[in-house]
Protein backbone atom coordinates (compact mmCIF):
# COMPACT_ATOMS: atom_id res chain seq x y z
CA MET A 1 -28.67 15.30 -37.74
CA ARG A 2 -24.82 13.72 -38.07
CA ALA A 3 -25.05 10.95 -40.22
CA VAL A 4 -24.70 8.03 -39.62
CA PRO A 5 -20.67 6.52 -40.00
CA GLY A 6 -20.68 4.83 -43.21
CA ALA A 7 -22.99 7.11 -44.88
CA ASP A 8 -21.08 9.61 -46.23
CA GLY A 9 -18.76 6.68 -47.73
CA ARG A 10 -21.61 5.40 -49.35
CA ARG A 11 -22.73 8.19 -51.13
CA GLY A 12 -18.97 8.91 -52.12
CA THR A 13 -17.35 5.66 -53.18
CA PRO A 14 -18.55 2.45 -54.63
CA PRO A 15 -20.87 0.86 -51.93
CA SER A 16 -19.20 -2.29 -51.42
CA ALA A 17 -16.43 0.07 -49.87
CA ALA A 18 -19.42 1.52 -47.37
CA ARG A 19 -21.08 -1.44 -46.49
CA PRO A 20 -18.89 -3.13 -43.88
CA ARG A 21 -18.76 0.23 -41.98
CA LEU A 22 -22.19 0.34 -42.14
CA GLN A 23 -22.75 -2.90 -40.73
CA ARG A 24 -20.44 -2.16 -37.74
CA ALA A 25 -22.95 0.98 -37.46
CA ARG A 26 -25.93 -1.22 -37.40
CA GLU A 27 -24.71 -3.46 -35.26
CA LEU A 28 -23.04 -0.87 -32.06
CA PHE A 29 -26.21 0.52 -32.13
CA GLY A 30 -28.51 -2.51 -32.08
CA ALA A 31 -26.27 -3.34 -28.93
CA LEU A 32 -26.66 -0.22 -27.62
CA GLY A 33 -30.61 0.03 -27.97
CA ALA A 34 -30.62 3.23 -30.25
CA THR A 35 -33.28 1.07 -32.43
CA ALA A 36 -33.79 4.86 -34.47
CA TRP A 37 -30.45 4.99 -35.73
CA GLU A 38 -29.92 0.95 -36.02
CA ARG A 39 -32.80 1.30 -38.29
CA ARG A 40 -31.11 4.40 -40.45
CA ALA A 41 -28.01 2.70 -40.58
CA ALA A 42 -30.10 -0.73 -41.95
CA SER A 43 -31.67 1.97 -44.19
CA GLU A 44 -28.12 3.00 -45.58
CA LEU A 45 -27.48 -0.56 -45.84
CA LEU A 46 -30.49 -0.92 -47.81
CA ALA A 47 -29.59 1.82 -50.06
CA ALA A 48 -26.29 0.74 -51.11
CA GLY A 49 -27.37 -2.63 -51.59
CA GLU A 50 -27.31 -4.77 -49.41
CA ALA A 51 -30.73 -6.38 -48.42
CA VAL A 52 -31.22 -6.11 -44.60
CA ASP A 53 -34.23 -7.92 -44.10
CA THR A 54 -34.89 -10.58 -46.52
CA SER A 55 -37.96 -11.05 -45.71
CA ARG A 56 -41.07 -8.93 -47.12
CA PRO A 57 -44.27 -8.51 -46.24
CA ALA A 58 -46.75 -10.28 -48.20
CA TRP A 59 -48.71 -6.61 -49.22
CA ALA A 60 -45.13 -5.76 -50.42
CA GLU A 61 -45.34 -9.02 -53.09
CA ARG A 62 -48.00 -8.65 -53.86
CA TYR A 63 -47.99 -5.56 -54.87
CA ASP A 64 -44.25 -5.71 -56.27
CA LEU A 65 -43.02 -2.84 -54.08
CA THR A 66 -39.51 -2.78 -54.02
CA PRO A 67 -37.40 -2.75 -50.36
CA ARG A 68 -36.88 0.58 -50.28
CA GLU A 69 -40.69 1.39 -51.06
CA ALA A 70 -42.34 -1.14 -48.65
CA GLU A 71 -40.07 0.93 -45.61
CA VAL A 72 -41.68 4.00 -46.70
CA THR A 73 -45.36 3.04 -47.20
CA ARG A 74 -44.61 1.01 -43.79
CA LEU A 75 -43.93 4.31 -42.05
CA ALA A 76 -46.99 6.14 -44.21
CA ALA A 77 -49.43 3.66 -43.10
CA GLU A 78 -48.56 4.30 -39.32
CA GLY A 79 -49.20 7.98 -40.08
CA LEU A 80 -45.50 9.30 -40.36
CA SER A 81 -45.42 12.90 -42.32
CA ASN A 82 -43.11 13.00 -45.06
CA GLN A 83 -40.49 14.77 -43.53
CA ARG A 84 -40.18 12.54 -40.63
CA ILE A 85 -39.68 9.16 -42.43
CA GLY A 86 -37.27 11.31 -44.38
CA TRP A 87 -35.68 11.94 -41.60
CA GLN A 88 -35.51 7.99 -40.22
CA LEU A 89 -34.78 6.49 -43.71
CA GLY A 90 -31.61 8.90 -44.41
CA MET A 91 -33.69 11.22 -47.31
CA SER A 92 -35.12 14.20 -48.34
CA HIS A 93 -38.95 14.46 -47.71
CA ARG A 94 -39.48 15.28 -51.58
CA THR A 95 -37.65 11.55 -52.26
CA VAL A 96 -40.60 10.31 -49.89
CA ALA A 97 -42.41 11.75 -51.86
CA SER A 98 -41.50 10.41 -55.03
CA HIS A 99 -41.39 6.11 -53.44
CA LEU A 100 -45.43 7.08 -52.14
CA SER A 101 -46.06 8.19 -55.83
CA ARG A 102 -45.16 5.04 -57.42
CA VAL A 103 -46.65 2.62 -54.31
CA PHE A 104 -50.55 4.91 -55.12
CA ALA A 105 -49.70 3.62 -58.73
CA LYS A 106 -48.51 0.24 -58.17
CA THR A 107 -51.04 -0.18 -55.06
CA GLY A 108 -54.41 1.64 -57.08
CA VAL A 109 -54.50 4.11 -53.99
CA THR A 110 -54.83 7.99 -54.25
CA SER A 111 -54.63 9.05 -50.87
CA ARG A 112 -52.06 7.68 -47.59
CA LYS A 113 -55.01 7.68 -45.04
CA HIS A 114 -56.60 4.32 -47.34
CA LEU A 115 -52.36 2.67 -47.01
CA PRO A 116 -53.30 0.38 -44.12
CA ALA A 117 -56.57 -0.83 -45.94
CA ALA A 118 -54.56 -1.95 -48.47
CA LEU A 119 -51.57 -3.20 -46.69
CA ARG A 120 -53.77 -5.82 -44.91
CA ASP A 121 -52.14 -9.30 -45.59
């Protein structure tokens, strides 16, 4: 799969330089109705240090999850595999596993099948 426009720039230059291209990519994907790509561009913006959505679910605040951890947790609670989560967010399945291990420690959950119950508002 090709990278979101600006994502390569995010990795090779200061995050502030990549943000305008990533913002534009997110806007264009949204206008085209390409929701998976729009989410991916939003994820890259988040990784570049821009707050894409300032509202956090109550469960994310309750467990003091970072925005990235909350995003990974939400997708895992929906039943997506680490590989699928990684594809959607533009990270490796190992990075997803790392985020989930931190989430498990913060929430006290021992298995991803228990995540939905822990995330109820």
